[in-house]
Protein backbone atom coordinates (compact mmCIF):
# COMPACT_ATOMS: atom_id res chain seq x y z
CA MET A 1 0.00 0.00 0.00
CA SER A 2 1.26 3.49 -0.78
CA ILE A 3 -0.14 6.58 0.93
CA GLN A 4 0.26 9.54 -1.40
CA GLY A 5 2.82 12.10 -0.22
CA ILE A 6 4.06 10.00 2.72
CA SER A 7 7.45 8.38 2.86
CA CYS A 8 9.38 6.68 5.64
CA PRO A 9 11.59 9.16 7.53
CA ARG A 10 14.15 6.38 8.10
CA CYS A 11 14.52 4.63 4.72
CA GLY A 12 12.49 6.81 2.32
CA SER A 13 10.19 3.99 1.21
CA ARG A 14 6.75 4.92 -0.02
CA ARG A 15 5.27 1.57 1.02
CA ILE A 16 3.50 2.82 4.12
CA ALA A 17 0.63 1.40 6.15
CA ILE A 18 -1.56 3.08 8.75
CA VAL A 19 -1.43 1.39 12.15
CA VAL A 20 -4.64 1.16 14.16
CA SER A 21 -4.03 3.15 17.37
CA GLU A 22 -5.32 6.15 19.32
CA THR A 23 -3.11 8.58 17.40
CA LEU A 24 -2.39 8.60 13.69
CA THR A 25 0.55 6.22 13.26
CA PHE A 26 2.32 5.07 10.12
CA LYS A 27 4.45 1.94 9.59
CA CYS A 28 7.01 1.42 6.85
CA LEU A 29 6.40 -1.92 5.15
CA ASP A 30 10.07 -2.10 4.09
CA CYS A 31 12.07 -1.34 7.26
CA GLY A 32 9.33 -1.69 9.91
CA TYR A 33 9.81 1.84 11.34
CA THR A 34 6.66 3.32 12.97
CA TRP A 35 6.03 7.00 13.62
CA SER A 36 3.30 9.53 14.32
CA PRO A 37 3.43 12.71 12.29
CA ASN A 38 3.41 16.06 14.08
CA LEU A 39 0.05 17.46 13.11
CA PRO A 40 -0.86 21.02 14.01
CA ALA A 41 -3.64 21.20 16.57
CA GLN A 42 -6.90 21.69 14.75
CA GLY A 43 -8.89 24.86 15.29
CA LEU A 44 -6.20 26.92 17.01
CA VAL A 45 -5.71 30.60 16.25
CA HIS A 46 -2.32 32.24 16.78
CA THR A 47 -2.56 35.24 19.12
CA LYS A 48 -0.07 37.37 21.07
CA ALA A 49 -1.17 35.42 24.17
CA GLY A 50 -0.45 32.08 22.45
CA ASP A 51 -2.56 29.58 20.53
CA VAL A 52 -6.25 29.79 21.41
CA HIS A 53 -9.11 27.68 20.03
CA TRP A 54 -11.32 29.57 17.57
CA THR A 55 -14.40 29.01 19.76
CA GLU A 56 -12.65 30.85 22.61
CA ILE A 57 -11.82 33.71 20.21
CA LYS A 58 -15.53 33.95 19.31
CA LYS A 59 -16.39 34.16 23.02
CA ILE A 60 -13.72 36.83 23.56
CA MET A 61 -15.16 38.81 20.64
CA GLU A 62 -18.63 38.60 22.20
CA ASP A 63 -17.19 39.73 25.55
CA ALA A 64 -15.47 42.62 23.76
CA ILE A 65 -18.77 43.67 22.14
CA ASN A 66 -20.41 43.72 25.57
CA TYR A 67 -17.42 45.66 26.92
CA VAL A 68 -17.90 48.25 24.15
CA ILE A 69 -21.58 48.58 25.07
CA GLY A 70 -20.54 49.07 28.71
CA LEU A 71 -18.08 51.81 27.70
CA LEU A 72 -20.79 53.56 25.70
CA ASN A 73 -23.15 53.35 28.68
CA GLU A 74 -20.42 54.99 30.80
CA GLY A 75 -20.28 57.87 28.33
CA VAL A 76 -17.10 56.95 26.40
CA VAL A 77 -18.11 57.87 22.85
CA ASN A 78 -14.89 58.84 21.09
CA CYS A 79 -13.89 56.13 18.59
CA ASP A 80 -10.18 56.44 19.41
CA ASP A 81 -10.86 56.17 23.17
CA VAL A 82 -12.99 53.07 22.67
CA ILE A 83 -10.34 51.51 20.41
CA GLY A 84 -7.65 52.23 23.00
CA ARG A 85 -9.64 50.67 25.84
CA VAL A 86 -10.62 47.58 23.84
CA GLN A 87 -7.07 47.20 22.51
CA GLU A 88 -5.74 47.36 26.07
CA LYS A 89 -8.16 44.71 27.34
CA TYR A 90 -8.38 42.34 24.35
CA GLY A 91 -5.30 43.16 22.23
CA ASN A 92 -3.51 39.96 23.24
CA TYR A 93 -6.29 37.86 21.71
CA LEU A 94 -7.80 39.91 18.90
CA SER A 95 -6.16 41.42 15.83
CA SER A 96 -6.60 45.13 15.11
CA ARG A 97 -9.19 44.26 12.48
CA GLU A 98 -11.12 42.02 14.89
CA ILE A 99 -11.04 44.78 17.51
CA LEU A 100 -12.47 47.28 15.03
CA ARG A 101 -15.11 44.76 13.99
CA THR A 102 -16.16 44.15 17.62
CA ILE A 103 -16.33 47.90 18.25
CA ILE A 104 -18.48 48.45 15.18
CA ASN A 105 -20.78 45.59 16.19
CA GLY A 106 -20.97 46.87 19.77
CA VAL A 107 -21.78 50.42 18.64
CA LYS A 108 -24.42 49.10 16.23
CA ARG A 109 -26.11 47.11 19.01
CA TYR A 110 -25.97 50.09 21.33
CA LEU A 111 -27.39 52.41 18.67
CA GLU A 112 -30.35 50.07 18.23
CA GLU A 113 -30.99 50.30 21.99
CA ILE A 114 -30.90 54.12 22.12
CA ARG A 115 -32.20 55.02 18.65
CA TYR A 116 -35.49 56.46 19.96
CA LYS A 117 -34.51 57.06 23.59
CA ASP A 118 -31.66 59.54 23.08
CA VAL A 119 -31.59 61.16 19.64
CA ASN A 120 -28.60 63.43 20.42
CA LYS A 121 -26.43 60.59 21.68
CA TYR A 122 -27.56 58.48 18.72
CA SER A 123 -26.43 61.19 16.31
CA ALA A 124 -23.03 61.65 18.02
CA LEU A 125 -22.39 57.92 18.12
CA SER A 126 -23.37 57.50 14.47
CA THR A 127 -20.62 60.00 13.58
CA GLU A 128 -18.06 58.09 15.68
CA LEU A 129 -19.21 54.79 14.15
CA ALA A 130 -18.49 56.24 10.72
CA LYS A 131 -14.92 57.05 11.90
CA CYS A 132 -14.43 53.47 13.13
CA ARG A 133 -15.79 52.10 9.84
CA GLU A 134 -13.39 54.34 7.93
CA LEU A 135 -10.47 52.92 9.93
CA MET A 136 -11.62 49.38 9.21
CA ASN A 137 -11.98 50.09 5.48
CA LYS A 138 -8.42 51.43 5.45
CA GLY A 139 -7.29 48.03 6.66
CA GLY A 140 -7.19 48.72 10.41
């Protein structure tokens, strides 16, 4: 049997079999050598804080959106201030683009909440949202 693209690290033979075991293991049919290839962990995202599973990144993004909404509730409305705060808290896990995306999504959600309650704040935040969008379109 020959498994396409696999050869024995010891003798170079392409006559390789798969051994039934808990981890993926190959056996050379010529020299008898067995080995398990180093496979990258599936679903991990490289971040400044290390490798994190993509599902955890999604949760962090959701937390960041809620953090943005909290900042807006506290009266922080300047796009640059919000970016700075979110970057400080989540910058080890999220890329600049992801941070901008979470801010935009957080502001959008917040705007939906206040659209009819506070027209002045809605208008000011819409302007700041446009600034954040501009940054994202420039490649953040």
